[in-house]
Amino acid sequence: MFSHIMVGTNDPDRSRAFYDALFEKKGGTDDKGRTAWRNKGSVFMISKPIDGEPASAGNGSTIGFAFDTPEEVDAWHARGLAAGGKAIEDPPGIRSNAFGSLYLAYLRDPDGNKLCGLHRPAQ
């Protein structure tokens, strides 16, 4: 499994404001300008790329955040839209596929990274 996820940003202040709103708490920023948010043993981070090249969203990449209820997913999605995210794919709701029925909502952050809010209903 993973220890953390980091996405690149070209505008750390804009990205920090987006994720502070999305997660409903301020991230901690280190002396290198990286900002991290922690929840339930997971760490999500943003940073300007260390190679000095522009940040870009990974095509085909999705970062999923787990929630306990569909209402939490909906609230997460609404916060993301209010903070400058863009709704993508279908509206939030149940989707059934080979992995079962999932309650999903998708956003792109201000840098274009694809995010997913997910709740796994009892099967």
N, C-alpha and C. Protein backbone atom coordinates (compact mmCIF):
# COMPACT_ATOMS: atom_id res chain seq x y z
N MET A 1 0.84 -1.18 0.00
CA MET A 1 0.00 0.00 0.00
C MET A 1 0.89 1.25 0.00
N PHE A 2 0.28 2.41 0.06
CA PHE A 2 1.06 3.63 -0.06
C PHE A 2 1.26 4.32 1.28
N SER A 3 2.33 5.11 1.35
CA SER A 3 2.57 5.92 2.54
C SER A 3 2.05 7.33 2.36
N HIS A 4 2.13 7.85 1.11
CA HIS A 4 1.65 9.20 0.82
C HIS A 4 1.44 9.35 -0.68
N ILE A 5 0.73 10.39 -1.02
CA ILE A 5 0.54 10.79 -2.42
C ILE A 5 0.94 12.25 -2.51
N MET A 6 1.73 12.59 -3.52
CA MET A 6 2.10 13.98 -3.75
C MET A 6 1.75 14.35 -5.18
N VAL A 7 1.14 15.51 -5.36
CA VAL A 7 0.89 16.03 -6.70
C VAL A 7 1.62 17.35 -6.86
N GLY A 8 2.02 17.60 -8.09
CA GLY A 8 2.72 18.84 -8.39
C GLY A 8 1.76 19.99 -8.58
N THR A 9 2.24 21.18 -8.31
CA THR A 9 1.47 22.40 -8.54
C THR A 9 2.40 23.49 -9.06
N ASN A 10 1.85 24.33 -9.92
CA ASN A 10 2.58 25.50 -10.40
C ASN A 10 2.28 26.73 -9.57
N ASP A 11 1.25 26.65 -8.73
CA ASP A 11 0.83 27.78 -7.90
C ASP A 11 0.52 27.25 -6.49
N PRO A 12 1.54 27.10 -5.65
CA PRO A 12 1.32 26.51 -4.32
C PRO A 12 0.28 27.24 -3.48
N ASP A 13 0.21 28.56 -3.56
CA ASP A 13 -0.78 29.29 -2.76
C ASP A 13 -2.20 28.94 -3.19
N ARG A 14 -2.44 28.92 -4.50
CA ARG A 14 -3.78 28.56 -5.02
C ARG A 14 -4.11 27.12 -4.64
N SER A 15 -3.17 26.22 -4.83
CA SER A 15 -3.39 24.81 -4.53
C SER A 15 -3.62 24.60 -3.04
N ARG A 16 -2.85 25.27 -2.20
CA ARG A 16 -3.01 25.16 -0.75
C ARG A 16 -4.41 25.62 -0.34
N ALA A 17 -4.88 26.73 -0.90
CA ALA A 17 -6.22 27.23 -0.56
C ALA A 17 -7.30 26.23 -1.00
N PHE A 18 -7.13 25.63 -2.19
CA PHE A 18 -8.08 24.63 -2.68
C PHE A 18 -8.14 23.43 -1.72
N TYR A 19 -6.99 22.86 -1.38
CA TYR A 19 -6.98 21.67 -0.53
C TYR A 19 -7.34 21.97 0.92
N ASP A 20 -7.01 23.16 1.43
CA ASP A 20 -7.47 23.55 2.77
C ASP A 20 -9.00 23.52 2.80
N ALA A 21 -9.63 24.06 1.77
CA ALA A 21 -11.10 24.05 1.70
C ALA A 21 -11.64 22.64 1.49
N LEU A 22 -11.01 21.88 0.62
CA LEU A 22 -11.48 20.53 0.31
C LEU A 22 -11.45 19.64 1.54
N PHE A 23 -10.36 19.73 2.32
CA PHE A 23 -10.19 18.87 3.50
C PHE A 23 -10.70 19.51 4.78
N GLU A 24 -11.16 20.74 4.71
CA GLU A 24 -11.68 21.48 5.87
C GLU A 24 -10.65 21.61 6.99
N LYS A 25 -9.39 21.73 6.63
CA LYS A 25 -8.33 22.00 7.61
C LYS A 25 -7.10 22.49 6.87
N LYS A 26 -6.27 23.22 7.59
CA LYS A 26 -5.04 23.76 7.00
C LYS A 26 -3.97 22.67 6.96
N GLY A 27 -3.26 22.64 5.84
CA GLY A 27 -2.12 21.74 5.73
C GLY A 27 -0.90 22.37 6.36
N GLY A 28 0.05 21.53 6.72
CA GLY A 28 1.31 22.01 7.27
C GLY A 28 2.35 22.12 6.16
N THR A 29 3.08 23.23 6.13
CA THR A 29 4.06 23.48 5.07
C THR A 29 5.46 23.45 5.65
N ASP A 30 6.37 22.71 4.97
CA ASP A 30 7.74 22.61 5.44
C ASP A 30 8.62 23.70 4.82
N ASP A 31 9.91 23.70 5.16
CA ASP A 31 10.82 24.75 4.70
C ASP A 31 11.12 24.66 3.20
N LYS A 32 10.73 23.57 2.54
CA LYS A 32 10.91 23.45 1.10
C LYS A 32 9.64 23.82 0.33
N GLY A 33 8.59 24.25 1.06
CA GLY A 33 7.35 24.68 0.42
C GLY A 33 6.35 23.57 0.16
N ARG A 34 6.64 22.34 0.59
CA ARG A 34 5.71 21.24 0.44
C ARG A 34 4.65 21.33 1.52
N THR A 35 3.39 21.08 1.16
CA THR A 35 2.31 21.13 2.13
C THR A 35 1.68 19.75 2.22
N ALA A 36 1.36 19.33 3.46
CA ALA A 36 0.80 18.00 3.70
C ALA A 36 -0.45 18.09 4.57
N TRP A 37 -1.40 17.21 4.28
CA TRP A 37 -2.61 17.02 5.08
C TRP A 37 -2.63 15.56 5.50
N ARG A 38 -2.93 15.29 6.75
CA ARG A 38 -2.98 13.91 7.26
C ARG A 38 -4.40 13.57 7.70
N ASN A 39 -4.77 12.29 7.45
CA ASN A 39 -6.08 11.80 7.87
C ASN A 39 -6.04 10.28 7.92
N LYS A 40 -6.38 9.71 9.06
CA LYS A 40 -6.49 8.25 9.21
C LYS A 40 -5.25 7.52 8.71
N GLY A 41 -4.09 8.01 9.01
CA GLY A 41 -2.85 7.35 8.62
C GLY A 41 -2.37 7.63 7.21
N SER A 42 -3.14 8.37 6.43
CA SER A 42 -2.75 8.71 5.06
C SER A 42 -2.22 10.14 5.01
N VAL A 43 -1.34 10.38 4.06
CA VAL A 43 -0.79 11.73 3.87
C VAL A 43 -0.95 12.12 2.41
N PHE A 44 -1.50 13.30 2.17
CA PHE A 44 -1.64 13.87 0.84
C PHE A 44 -0.81 15.13 0.81
N MET A 45 0.00 15.30 -0.25
CA MET A 45 0.93 16.43 -0.30
C MET A 45 0.88 17.14 -1.66
N ILE A 46 1.22 18.43 -1.63
CA ILE A 46 1.43 19.20 -2.85
C ILE A 46 2.83 19.80 -2.81
N SER A 47 3.40 20.02 -4.00
CA SER A 47 4.73 20.60 -4.08
C SER A 47 4.99 21.10 -5.49
N LYS A 48 5.79 22.15 -5.59
CA LYS A 48 6.35 22.50 -6.89
C LYS A 48 7.30 21.36 -7.25
N PRO A 49 7.39 20.97 -8.52
CA PRO A 49 8.31 19.89 -8.88
C PRO A 49 9.76 20.23 -8.51
N ILE A 50 10.45 19.27 -7.94
CA ILE A 50 11.82 19.53 -7.49
C ILE A 50 12.80 19.65 -8.65
N ASP A 51 12.40 19.19 -9.85
CA ASP A 51 13.31 19.30 -10.99
C ASP A 51 13.24 20.66 -11.67
N GLY A 52 12.36 21.56 -11.16
CA GLY A 52 12.24 22.89 -11.72
C GLY A 52 11.37 22.99 -12.97
N GLU A 53 10.91 21.86 -13.48
CA GLU A 53 10.03 21.84 -14.65
C GLU A 53 8.61 22.15 -14.21
N PRO A 54 7.72 22.56 -15.15
CA PRO A 54 6.33 22.84 -14.79
C PRO A 54 5.61 21.56 -14.32
N ALA A 55 4.71 21.73 -13.37
CA ALA A 55 3.86 20.62 -12.93
C ALA A 55 2.81 20.35 -13.99
N SER A 56 2.42 19.09 -14.12
CA SER A 56 1.33 18.72 -15.02
C SER A 56 0.59 17.55 -14.41
N ALA A 57 -0.70 17.44 -14.72
CA ALA A 57 -1.52 16.35 -14.20
C ALA A 57 -1.19 15.06 -14.94
N GLY A 58 -1.17 13.95 -14.23
CA GLY A 58 -0.90 12.66 -14.85
C GLY A 58 -2.12 12.16 -15.60
N ASN A 59 -2.02 12.02 -16.91
CA ASN A 59 -3.13 11.52 -17.71
C ASN A 59 -3.37 10.05 -17.36
N GLY A 60 -4.58 9.71 -16.96
CA GLY A 60 -4.90 8.36 -16.55
C GLY A 60 -4.76 8.14 -15.05
N SER A 61 -4.25 9.12 -14.33
CA SER A 61 -4.08 9.00 -12.88
C SER A 61 -5.31 9.53 -12.16
N THR A 62 -5.68 8.87 -11.07
CA THR A 62 -6.77 9.33 -10.22
C THR A 62 -6.34 9.13 -8.78
N ILE A 63 -6.62 10.09 -7.94
CA ILE A 63 -6.36 9.98 -6.51
C ILE A 63 -7.72 9.85 -5.82
N GLY A 64 -7.92 8.75 -5.13
CA GLY A 64 -9.20 8.48 -4.47
C GLY A 64 -9.14 8.72 -2.98
N PHE A 65 -10.17 9.37 -2.44
CA PHE A 65 -10.30 9.63 -1.02
C PHE A 65 -11.51 8.88 -0.49
N ALA A 66 -11.32 8.10 0.57
CA ALA A 66 -12.40 7.28 1.13
C ALA A 66 -13.25 8.07 2.12
N PHE A 67 -14.56 7.82 2.07
CA PHE A 67 -15.51 8.45 2.98
C PHE A 67 -16.45 7.41 3.56
N ASP A 68 -17.02 7.72 4.72
CA ASP A 68 -17.89 6.79 5.43
C ASP A 68 -19.33 6.78 4.93
N THR A 69 -19.77 7.86 4.27
CA THR A 69 -21.16 7.95 3.82
C THR A 69 -21.23 8.68 2.47
N PRO A 70 -22.32 8.47 1.72
CA PRO A 70 -22.51 9.24 0.50
C PRO A 70 -22.62 10.74 0.77
N GLU A 71 -23.19 11.11 1.91
CA GLU A 71 -23.32 12.52 2.25
C GLU A 71 -21.96 13.19 2.43
N GLU A 72 -21.00 12.45 2.99
CA GLU A 72 -19.65 13.00 3.11
C GLU A 72 -19.01 13.20 1.74
N VAL A 73 -19.26 12.28 0.82
CA VAL A 73 -18.75 12.42 -0.55
C VAL A 73 -19.36 13.67 -1.19
N ASP A 74 -20.67 13.84 -1.05
CA ASP A 74 -21.34 15.00 -1.64
C ASP A 74 -20.80 16.31 -1.07
N ALA A 75 -20.58 16.35 0.25
CA ALA A 75 -20.07 17.57 0.88
C ALA A 75 -18.64 17.85 0.39
N TRP A 76 -17.81 16.82 0.27
CA TRP A 76 -16.44 16.95 -0.25
C TRP A 76 -16.48 17.53 -1.67
N HIS A 77 -17.36 17.00 -2.50
CA HIS A 77 -17.49 17.45 -3.89
C HIS A 77 -17.93 18.91 -3.93
N ALA A 78 -18.90 19.28 -3.12
CA ALA A 78 -19.38 20.66 -3.08
C ALA A 78 -18.28 21.62 -2.62
N ARG A 79 -17.50 21.22 -1.61
CA ARG A 79 -16.39 22.06 -1.14
C ARG A 79 -15.37 22.25 -2.26
N GLY A 80 -15.08 21.18 -2.98
CA GLY A 80 -14.13 21.27 -4.08
C GLY A 80 -14.58 22.22 -5.16
N LEU A 81 -15.86 22.16 -5.53
CA LEU A 81 -16.39 23.08 -6.54
C LEU A 81 -16.33 24.52 -6.05
N ALA A 82 -16.70 24.74 -4.80
CA ALA A 82 -16.70 26.09 -4.23
C ALA A 82 -15.28 26.67 -4.15
N ALA A 83 -14.29 25.79 -4.04
CA ALA A 83 -12.90 26.23 -3.91
C ALA A 83 -12.18 26.33 -5.24
N GLY A 84 -12.90 26.16 -6.34
CA GLY A 84 -12.28 26.33 -7.66
C GLY A 84 -12.02 25.06 -8.43
N GLY A 85 -12.47 23.91 -7.90
CA GLY A 85 -12.34 22.66 -8.64
C GLY A 85 -13.37 22.59 -9.75
N LYS A 86 -13.20 21.61 -10.64
CA LYS A 86 -14.10 21.44 -11.76
C LYS A 86 -14.73 20.05 -11.70
N ALA A 87 -16.07 20.00 -11.77
CA ALA A 87 -16.77 18.71 -11.80
C ALA A 87 -16.47 18.01 -13.12
N ILE A 88 -16.20 16.72 -13.05
CA ILE A 88 -15.95 15.94 -14.27
C ILE A 88 -16.72 14.63 -14.19
N GLU A 89 -16.85 13.98 -15.33
CA GLU A 89 -17.56 12.72 -15.48
C GLU A 89 -19.02 12.89 -15.06
N ASP A 90 -19.64 11.82 -14.60
CA ASP A 90 -21.05 11.88 -14.22
C ASP A 90 -21.22 12.58 -12.88
N PRO A 91 -22.44 13.07 -12.58
CA PRO A 91 -22.68 13.66 -11.26
C PRO A 91 -22.43 12.63 -10.15
N PRO A 92 -22.21 13.09 -8.92
CA PRO A 92 -22.01 12.15 -7.82
C PRO A 92 -23.17 11.15 -7.74
N GLY A 93 -22.83 9.90 -7.47
CA GLY A 93 -23.87 8.88 -7.35
C GLY A 93 -23.30 7.47 -7.40
N ILE A 94 -24.22 6.51 -7.33
CA ILE A 94 -23.85 5.09 -7.36
C ILE A 94 -23.47 4.69 -8.78
N ARG A 95 -22.38 3.96 -8.88
CA ARG A 95 -21.96 3.37 -10.15
C ARG A 95 -21.63 1.92 -9.89
N SER A 96 -22.11 1.06 -10.73
CA SER A 96 -21.84 -0.38 -10.59
C SER A 96 -20.91 -0.83 -11.69
N ASN A 97 -19.93 -1.61 -11.30
CA ASN A 97 -18.98 -2.16 -12.27
C ASN A 97 -18.42 -3.46 -11.72
N ALA A 98 -17.34 -3.94 -12.28
CA ALA A 98 -16.75 -5.20 -11.84
C ALA A 98 -16.30 -5.16 -10.39
N PHE A 99 -16.11 -3.96 -9.82
CA PHE A 99 -15.69 -3.83 -8.42
C PHE A 99 -16.87 -3.72 -7.48
N GLY A 100 -18.10 -3.84 -7.98
CA GLY A 100 -19.31 -3.73 -7.17
C GLY A 100 -19.94 -2.36 -7.34
N SER A 101 -20.83 -2.03 -6.42
CA SER A 101 -21.49 -0.73 -6.43
C SER A 101 -20.70 0.23 -5.56
N LEU A 102 -20.37 1.38 -6.12
CA LEU A 102 -19.60 2.40 -5.42
C LEU A 102 -20.32 3.73 -5.55
N TYR A 103 -20.27 4.54 -4.50
CA TYR A 103 -20.77 5.90 -4.57
C TYR A 103 -19.56 6.77 -4.88
N LEU A 104 -19.58 7.44 -6.05
CA LEU A 104 -18.41 8.17 -6.54
C LEU A 104 -18.74 9.61 -6.91
N ALA A 105 -17.76 10.47 -6.75
CA ALA A 105 -17.82 11.86 -7.23
C ALA A 105 -16.41 12.23 -7.70
N TYR A 106 -16.33 12.90 -8.85
CA TYR A 106 -15.04 13.24 -9.44
C TYR A 106 -14.87 14.75 -9.60
N LEU A 107 -13.63 15.21 -9.37
CA LEU A 107 -13.24 16.62 -9.54
C LEU A 107 -11.87 16.68 -10.19
N ARG A 108 -11.58 17.83 -10.80
CA ARG A 108 -10.20 18.18 -11.14
C ARG A 108 -9.83 19.35 -10.24
N ASP A 109 -8.63 19.28 -9.65
CA ASP A 109 -8.16 20.39 -8.84
C ASP A 109 -7.69 21.52 -9.76
N PRO A 110 -7.31 22.68 -9.22
CA PRO A 110 -6.92 23.80 -10.09
C PRO A 110 -5.72 23.51 -11.00
N ASP A 111 -4.91 22.49 -10.69
CA ASP A 111 -3.79 22.12 -11.55
C ASP A 111 -4.15 21.00 -12.52
N GLY A 112 -5.39 20.52 -12.49
CA GLY A 112 -5.84 19.48 -13.42
C GLY A 112 -5.74 18.07 -12.90
N ASN A 113 -5.31 17.87 -11.65
CA ASN A 113 -5.24 16.52 -11.10
C ASN A 113 -6.64 15.97 -10.87
N LYS A 114 -6.84 14.70 -11.23
CA LYS A 114 -8.14 14.05 -11.11
C LYS A 114 -8.28 13.46 -9.71
N LEU A 115 -9.36 13.85 -9.02
CA LEU A 115 -9.65 13.41 -7.66
C LEU A 115 -10.98 12.68 -7.64
N CYS A 116 -11.08 11.70 -6.76
CA CYS A 116 -12.32 10.93 -6.61
C CYS A 116 -12.67 10.81 -5.15
N GLY A 117 -13.91 11.12 -4.81
CA GLY A 117 -14.47 10.85 -3.49
C GLY A 117 -15.22 9.54 -3.61
N LEU A 118 -14.99 8.59 -2.70
CA LEU A 118 -15.55 7.25 -2.81
C LEU A 118 -16.11 6.76 -1.50
N HIS A 119 -17.31 6.20 -1.58
CA HIS A 119 -17.92 5.48 -0.46
C HIS A 119 -18.30 4.10 -0.95
N ARG A 120 -17.92 3.06 -0.20
CA ARG A 120 -18.27 1.69 -0.55
C ARG A 120 -19.48 1.26 0.28
N PRO A 121 -20.67 1.24 -0.34
CA PRO A 121 -21.85 0.78 0.39
C PRO A 121 -21.72 -0.69 0.79
N ALA A 122 -22.42 -1.08 1.84
CA ALA A 122 -22.42 -2.50 2.24
C ALA A 122 -22.98 -3.32 1.10
N GLN A 123 -22.32 -4.39 0.76
CA GLN A 123 -22.73 -5.23 -0.38
C GLN A 123 -23.66 -6.32 0.08
